[in-house]
Amino acid sequence: MGNFLDDLLKKVFKASEKLPVNVKENFQLKESDQKDLDDWLETSASRQLYALVYKNYHFKRTQINETPQVHIFTSPYANGFAVTYEPPFDPKTFSRFFLGLSRRVIDLGYEQVSLDRKYEEVNERVKVTEKFYFKPPLQLPKEGELISQLYGNISLEKISVDNQPSYIKLLAAIYSDRLYQDAKSFDQLMDRIFEKKENG
């Protein structure tokens, strides 16, 4: 009887140990992080970093890979890019770059809908995703006019694996609803996000 209970307990606890981690929480940026970001965005180092990623995005479109590597996503309903955590990024500038992108999206007229953090276990490694979600502002169209969707809904993610930064991804997903105007081009979105203060 003792062996039966021991075996049963082992199975129960073994099964519970194998449950993958999957936790999602909303969070807000601290005031100190906002101030740090404000200060960093005024530096020439931040402008050089945005200019470098923008240049590497254009290189990637001609099949040239430069560091940090940029990856491009294209489909009929969603377009985006990702930048890999590589030099000259360090953990602090990677995080600032991510937060700075969120500011630039808001500057285009977008509204931040959410900011959350998700922890999940993938192949015995812990993946953490910090994600902003943005929507075009709500508008009442004039009679007979379609609603502007700007560039569609935008998600912005920063991924870390086992506490190591991995990549940042921005994705614009368009509405295919007849009530909306066609989305503006993703190229224009990239231009508007990255031209801001690039040469200032």
C-alpha atoms as a PDB file:
ATOM      1  CA  MET A   1       0.000   0.000   0.000  1.00  0.00           C
ATOM      2  CA  GLY A   2       2.847   2.363   0.880  1.00  0.00           C
ATOM      3  CA  ASN A   3       4.456   1.821  -2.523  1.00  0.00           C
ATOM      4  CA  PHE A   4       1.185   2.557  -4.293  1.00  0.00           C
ATOM      5  CA  LEU A   5       0.824   5.912  -2.449  1.00  0.00           C
ATOM      6  CA  ASP A   6       4.477   6.776  -3.040  1.00  0.00           C
ATOM      7  CA  ASP A   7       4.105   6.065  -6.762  1.00  0.00           C
ATOM      8  CA  LEU A   8       0.889   8.060  -6.925  1.00  0.00           C
ATOM      9  CA  LEU A   9       2.427  11.057  -5.126  1.00  0.00           C
ATOM     10  CA  LYS A  10       5.484  10.924  -7.380  1.00  0.00           C
ATOM     11  CA  LYS A  11       3.259  10.951 -10.469  1.00  0.00           C
ATOM     12  CA  VAL A  12       1.163  13.836  -9.169  1.00  0.00           C
ATOM     13  CA  PHE A  13       4.158  15.991  -8.235  1.00  0.00           C
ATOM     14  CA  LYS A  14       6.065  15.072 -11.375  1.00  0.00           C
ATOM     15  CA  ALA A  15       3.051  16.092 -13.487  1.00  0.00           C
ATOM     16  CA  SER A  16       2.702  19.405 -11.640  1.00  0.00           C
ATOM     17  CA  GLU A  17       6.413  20.155 -12.079  1.00  0.00           C
ATOM     18  CA  LYS A  18       6.055  19.818 -15.828  1.00  0.00           C
ATOM     19  CA  LEU A  19       3.300  22.402 -16.143  1.00  0.00           C
ATOM     20  CA  PRO A  20       4.789  25.161 -18.293  1.00  0.00           C
ATOM     21  CA  VAL A  21       4.959  28.688 -16.937  1.00  0.00           C
ATOM     22  CA  ASN A  22       2.440  30.975 -18.627  1.00  0.00           C
ATOM     23  CA  VAL A  23       1.697  34.234 -16.818  1.00  0.00           C
ATOM     24  CA  LYS A  24       0.531  37.565 -18.249  1.00  0.00           C
ATOM     25  CA  GLU A  25       0.319  40.868 -16.392  1.00  0.00           C
ATOM     26  CA  ASN A  26      -0.373  44.499 -17.226  1.00  0.00           C
ATOM     27  CA  PHE A  27       2.181  47.022 -16.032  1.00  0.00           C
ATOM     28  CA  GLN A  28       3.067  50.696 -16.215  1.00  0.00           C
ATOM     29  CA  LEU A  29       6.390  52.383 -16.788  1.00  0.00           C
ATOM     30  CA  LYS A  30       7.970  53.932 -13.716  1.00  0.00           C
ATOM     31  CA  GLU A  31       8.424  57.680 -13.628  1.00  0.00           C
ATOM     32  CA  SER A  32      12.197  57.166 -13.355  1.00  0.00           C
ATOM     33  CA  ASP A  33      12.153  55.079 -16.591  1.00  0.00           C
ATOM     34  CA  GLN A  34      10.188  57.814 -18.372  1.00  0.00           C
ATOM     35  CA  LYS A  35      12.692  60.455 -17.222  1.00  0.00           C
ATOM     36  CA  ASP A  36      15.647  58.266 -18.237  1.00  0.00           C
ATOM     37  CA  LEU A  37      14.045  57.802 -21.672  1.00  0.00           C
ATOM     38  CA  ASP A  38      13.425  61.567 -22.066  1.00  0.00           C
ATOM     39  CA  ASP A  39      17.094  62.268 -21.331  1.00  0.00           C
ATOM     40  CA  TRP A  40      18.373  59.497 -23.628  1.00  0.00           C
ATOM     41  CA  LEU A  41      16.171  60.553 -26.564  1.00  0.00           C
ATOM     42  CA  GLU A  42      17.890  63.963 -26.519  1.00  0.00           C
ATOM     43  CA  THR A  43      21.356  62.424 -27.023  1.00  0.00           C
ATOM     44  CA  SER A  44      23.246  62.015 -30.291  1.00  0.00           C
ATOM     45  CA  ALA A  45      23.825  58.346 -29.291  1.00  0.00           C
ATOM     46  CA  SER A  46      20.074  57.653 -29.481  1.00  0.00           C
ATOM     47  CA  ARG A  47      19.767  59.392 -32.861  1.00  0.00           C
ATOM     48  CA  GLN A  48      22.720  57.394 -34.213  1.00  0.00           C
ATOM     49  CA  LEU A  49      21.164  54.133 -33.008  1.00  0.00           C
ATOM     50  CA  TYR A  50      17.804  54.827 -34.699  1.00  0.00           C
ATOM     51  CA  ALA A  51      19.646  55.890 -37.872  1.00  0.00           C
ATOM     52  CA  LEU A  52      21.704  52.672 -37.824  1.00  0.00           C
ATOM     53  CA  VAL A  53      18.654  50.399 -37.478  1.00  0.00           C
ATOM     54  CA  TYR A  54      16.844  52.360 -40.212  1.00  0.00           C
ATOM     55  CA  LYS A  55      19.860  52.026 -42.525  1.00  0.00           C
ATOM     56  CA  ASN A  56      20.065  48.267 -41.792  1.00  0.00           C
ATOM     57  CA  TYR A  57      16.341  47.937 -42.566  1.00  0.00           C
ATOM     58  CA  HIS A  58      16.999  49.352 -46.039  1.00  0.00           C
ATOM     59  CA  PHE A  59      20.093  47.140 -46.430  1.00  0.00           C
ATOM     60  CA  LYS A  60      18.008  44.079 -45.536  1.00  0.00           C
ATOM     61  CA  ARG A  61      15.548  44.937 -48.307  1.00  0.00           C
ATOM     62  CA  THR A  62      18.438  44.523 -50.751  1.00  0.00           C
ATOM     63  CA  GLN A  63      19.520  41.225 -49.080  1.00  0.00           C
ATOM     64  CA  ILE A  64      22.456  42.771 -47.189  1.00  0.00           C
ATOM     65  CA  ASN A  65      22.829  41.826 -43.509  1.00  0.00           C
ATOM     66  CA  GLU A  66      24.504  44.310 -41.195  1.00  0.00           C
ATOM     67  CA  THR A  67      24.817  44.399 -37.401  1.00  0.00           C
ATOM     68  CA  PRO A  68      22.428  44.670 -35.649  1.00  0.00           C
ATOM     69  CA  GLN A  69      20.460  42.427 -38.000  1.00  0.00           C
ATOM     70  CA  VAL A  70      17.028  43.535 -39.132  1.00  0.00           C
ATOM     71  CA  HIS A  71      14.365  41.050 -40.270  1.00  0.00           C
ATOM     72  CA  ILE A  72      11.369  41.986 -42.434  1.00  0.00           C
ATOM     73  CA  PHE A  73       7.855  40.485 -42.338  1.00  0.00           C
ATOM     74  CA  THR A  74       5.524  40.939 -45.306  1.00  0.00           C
ATOM     75  CA  SER A  75       2.005  39.621 -45.911  1.00  0.00           C
ATOM     76  CA  PRO A  76      -1.247  40.987 -47.357  1.00  0.00           C
ATOM     77  CA  TYR A  77      -2.625  41.768 -43.881  1.00  0.00           C
ATOM     78  CA  ALA A  78       0.422  42.481 -41.711  1.00  0.00           C
ATOM     79  CA  ASN A  79       3.879  43.929 -42.220  1.00  0.00           C
ATOM     80  CA  GLY A  80       6.676  44.469 -39.782  1.00  0.00           C
ATOM     81  CA  PHE A  81      10.307  44.326 -38.863  1.00  0.00           C
ATOM     82  CA  ALA A  82      12.427  42.951 -36.039  1.00  0.00           C
ATOM     83  CA  VAL A  83      15.879  43.958 -34.842  1.00  0.00           C
ATOM     84  CA  THR A  84      18.168  41.467 -33.149  1.00  0.00           C
ATOM     85  CA  TYR A  85      19.981  42.158 -29.887  1.00  0.00           C
ATOM     86  CA  GLU A  86      23.545  42.603 -31.160  1.00  0.00           C
ATOM     87  CA  PRO A  87      26.220  45.306 -30.846  1.00  0.00           C
ATOM     88  CA  PRO A  88      26.039  48.241 -30.497  1.00  0.00           C
ATOM     89  CA  PHE A  89      23.022  47.437 -28.275  1.00  0.00           C
ATOM     90  CA  ASP A  90      23.520  46.752 -24.602  1.00  0.00           C
ATOM     91  CA  PRO A  91      20.636  45.793 -22.262  1.00  0.00           C
ATOM     92  CA  LYS A  92      19.970  49.412 -21.305  1.00  0.00           C
ATOM     93  CA  THR A  93      20.003  50.886 -24.838  1.00  0.00           C
ATOM     94  CA  PHE A  94      17.919  47.944 -26.085  1.00  0.00           C
ATOM     95  CA  SER A  95      15.213  48.747 -23.563  1.00  0.00           C
ATOM     96  CA  ARG A  96      15.424  52.481 -24.283  1.00  0.00           C
ATOM     97  CA  PHE A  97      15.216  51.852 -28.037  1.00  0.00           C
ATOM     98  CA  PHE A  98      12.045  49.785 -27.465  1.00  0.00           C
ATOM     99  CA  LEU A  99      10.424  52.472 -25.295  1.00  0.00           C
ATOM    100  CA  GLY A 100      11.507  55.178 -27.734  1.00  0.00           C
ATOM    101  CA  LEU A 101       9.753  53.340 -30.582  1.00  0.00           C
ATOM    102  CA  SER A 102       6.554  53.343 -28.516  1.00  0.00           C
ATOM    103  CA  ARG A 103       6.816  57.127 -28.152  1.00  0.00           C
ATOM    104  CA  ARG A 104       7.309  57.530 -31.890  1.00  0.00           C
ATOM    105  CA  VAL A 105       4.189  55.458 -32.638  1.00  0.00           C
ATOM    106  CA  ILE A 106       2.151  57.644 -30.256  1.00  0.00           C
ATOM    107  CA  ASP A 107       3.571  60.751 -31.984  1.00  0.00           C
ATOM    108  CA  LEU A 108       1.930  59.503 -35.210  1.00  0.00           C
ATOM    109  CA  GLY A 109      -1.504  59.896 -33.596  1.00  0.00           C
ATOM    110  CA  TYR A 110      -1.899  56.385 -32.188  1.00  0.00           C
ATOM    111  CA  GLU A 111      -3.464  55.562 -28.837  1.00  0.00           C
ATOM    112  CA  GLN A 112      -1.811  53.079 -26.504  1.00  0.00           C
ATOM    113  CA  VAL A 113      -4.389  50.408 -25.681  1.00  0.00           C
ATOM    114  CA  SER A 114      -2.242  48.204 -23.446  1.00  0.00           C
ATOM    115  CA  LEU A 115       1.204  47.429 -22.087  1.00  0.00           C
ATOM    116  CA  ASP A 116       1.679  43.932 -20.743  1.00  0.00           C
ATOM    117  CA  ARG A 117       4.352  41.428 -19.864  1.00  0.00           C
ATOM    118  CA  LYS A 118       4.062  37.699 -20.534  1.00  0.00           C
ATOM    119  CA  TYR A 119       6.235  34.968 -18.993  1.00  0.00           C
ATOM    120  CA  GLU A 120       6.186  31.586 -20.700  1.00  0.00           C
ATOM    121  CA  GLU A 121       8.269  28.456 -20.616  1.00  0.00           C
ATOM    122  CA  VAL A 122       9.491  27.349 -24.033  1.00  0.00           C
ATOM    123  CA  ASN A 123      11.753  24.270 -24.269  1.00  0.00           C
ATOM    124  CA  GLU A 124      12.744  24.633 -20.600  1.00  0.00           C
ATOM    125  CA  ARG A 125      13.709  28.254 -21.129  1.00  0.00           C
ATOM    126  CA  VAL A 126      11.813  31.277 -19.833  1.00  0.00           C
ATOM    127  CA  LYS A 127      10.670  33.696 -22.513  1.00  0.00           C
ATOM    128  CA  VAL A 128       9.524  37.153 -21.422  1.00  0.00           C
ATOM    129  CA  THR A 129       7.567  39.335 -23.860  1.00  0.00           C
ATOM    130  CA  GLU A 130       6.898  42.993 -23.096  1.00  0.00           C
ATOM    131  CA  LYS A 131       4.236  44.239 -25.486  1.00  0.00           C
ATOM    132  CA  PHE A 132       2.657  47.574 -26.382  1.00  0.00           C
ATOM    133  CA  TYR A 133      -0.552  47.540 -28.400  1.00  0.00           C
ATOM    134  CA  PHE A 134      -1.680  50.658 -30.300  1.00  0.00           C
ATOM    135  CA  LYS A 135      -4.811  51.537 -32.273  1.00  0.00           C
ATOM    136  CA  PRO A 136      -5.603  54.497 -34.516  1.00  0.00           C
ATOM    137  CA  PRO A 137      -7.700  57.130 -32.702  1.00  0.00           C
ATOM    138  CA  LEU A 138     -11.445  56.596 -32.679  1.00  0.00           C
ATOM    139  CA  GLN A 139     -13.148  58.895 -35.172  1.00  0.00           C
ATOM    140  CA  LEU A 140     -16.638  59.576 -36.389  1.00  0.00           C
ATOM    141  CA  PRO A 141     -16.374  59.765 -40.177  1.00  0.00           C
ATOM    142  CA  LYS A 142     -18.271  62.410 -42.089  1.00  0.00           C
ATOM    143  CA  GLU A 143     -21.285  61.261 -44.069  1.00  0.00           C
ATOM    144  CA  GLY A 144     -20.199  59.068 -46.972  1.00  0.00           C
ATOM    145  CA  GLU A 145     -16.534  58.995 -45.887  1.00  0.00           C
ATOM    146  CA  LEU A 146     -14.511  55.983 -44.801  1.00  0.00           C
ATOM    147  CA  ILE A 147     -12.648  55.834 -41.479  1.00  0.00           C
ATOM    148  CA  SER A 148      -8.874  56.326 -41.551  1.00  0.00           C
ATOM    149  CA  GLN A 149      -6.981  53.369 -40.111  1.00  0.00           C
ATOM    150  CA  LEU A 150      -3.601  55.112 -40.542  1.00  0.00           C
ATOM    151  CA  TYR A 151      -1.221  52.115 -40.819  1.00  0.00           C
ATOM    152  CA  GLY A 152      -3.552  49.612 -39.069  1.00  0.00           C
ATOM    153  CA  ASN A 153      -3.166  48.323 -35.515  1.00  0.00           C
ATOM    154  CA  ILE A 154       0.415  48.271 -34.266  1.00  0.00           C
ATOM    155  CA  SER A 155       2.006  45.867 -31.810  1.00  0.00           C
ATOM    156  CA  LEU A 156       5.497  46.417 -30.453  1.00  0.00           C
ATOM    157  CA  GLU A 157       7.284  43.643 -28.548  1.00  0.00           C
ATOM    158  CA  LYS A 158      10.579  43.208 -26.726  1.00  0.00           C
ATOM    159  CA  ILE A 159      11.579  39.572 -26.230  1.00  0.00           C
ATOM    160  CA  SER A 160      14.046  38.208 -23.682  1.00  0.00           C
ATOM    161  CA  VAL A 161      15.012  34.566 -23.150  1.00  0.00           C
ATOM    162  CA  ASP A 162      16.451  33.475 -19.783  1.00  0.00           C
ATOM    163  CA  ASN A 163      16.959  37.133 -18.841  1.00  0.00           C
ATOM    164  CA  GLN A 164      18.955  37.822 -22.018  1.00  0.00           C
ATOM    165  CA  PRO A 165      17.580  40.359 -24.539  1.00  0.00           C
ATOM    166  CA  SER A 166      16.735  38.664 -27.847  1.00  0.00           C
ATOM    167  CA  TYR A 167      14.871  40.935 -30.300  1.00  0.00           C
ATOM    168  CA  ILE A 168      12.374  43.769 -30.739  1.00  0.00           C
ATOM    169  CA  LYS A 169       9.494  43.355 -33.193  1.00  0.00           C
ATOM    170  CA  LEU A 170       7.026  45.895 -34.605  1.00  0.00           C
ATOM    171  CA  LEU A 171       4.019  44.625 -36.554  1.00  0.00           C
ATOM    172  CA  ALA A 172       1.297  46.646 -38.323  1.00  0.00           C
ATOM    173  CA  ALA A 173      -1.904  44.656 -39.001  1.00  0.00           C
ATOM    174  CA  ILE A 174      -4.405  46.262 -41.338  1.00  0.00           C
ATOM    175  CA  TYR A 175      -8.208  46.253 -41.233  1.00  0.00           C
ATOM    176  CA  SER A 176      -9.890  44.685 -44.243  1.00  0.00           C
ATOM    177  CA  ASP A 177     -13.274  46.146 -43.266  1.00  0.00           C
ATOM    178  CA  ARG A 178     -15.245  48.120 -45.900  1.00  0.00           C
ATOM    179  CA  LEU A 179     -15.812  50.895 -43.355  1.00  0.00           C
ATOM    180  CA  TYR A 180     -12.112  51.782 -43.437  1.00  0.00           C
ATOM    181  CA  GLN A 181      -9.879  53.493 -45.935  1.00  0.00           C
ATOM    182  CA  ASP A 182      -6.937  51.455 -47.198  1.00  0.00           C
ATOM    183  CA  ALA A 183      -4.037  51.500 -44.775  1.00  0.00           C
ATOM    184  CA  LYS A 184      -1.128  53.776 -45.556  1.00  0.00           C
ATOM    185  CA  SER A 185       2.013  51.978 -46.668  1.00  0.00           C
ATOM    186  CA  PHE A 186       4.343  50.248 -44.217  1.00  0.00           C
ATOM    187  CA  ASP A 187       7.306  51.961 -45.901  1.00  0.00           C
ATOM    188  CA  GLN A 188       5.762  55.307 -45.023  1.00  0.00           C
ATOM    189  CA  LEU A 189       5.267  54.104 -41.426  1.00  0.00           C
ATOM    190  CA  MET A 190       8.962  53.195 -41.220  1.00  0.00           C
ATOM    191  CA  ASP A 191       9.961  56.545 -42.708  1.00  0.00           C
ATOM    192  CA  ARG A 192       7.834  58.454 -40.230  1.00  0.00           C
ATOM    193  CA  ILE A 193       8.979  56.445 -37.209  1.00  0.00           C
ATOM    194  CA  PHE A 194      12.663  56.650 -38.044  1.00  0.00           C
ATOM    195  CA  GLU A 195      12.979  60.087 -39.623  1.00  0.00           C
ATOM    196  CA  LYS A 196      11.942  61.717 -36.344  1.00  0.00           C
ATOM    197  CA  LYS A 197      14.922  63.622 -34.935  1.00  0.00           C
ATOM    198  CA  GLU A 198      17.203  61.339 -36.945  1.00  0.00           C
ATOM    199  CA  ASN A 199      19.276  64.257 -38.140  1.00  0.00           C
ATOM    200  CA  GLY A 200      18.393  66.651 -35.360  1.00  0.00           C
END
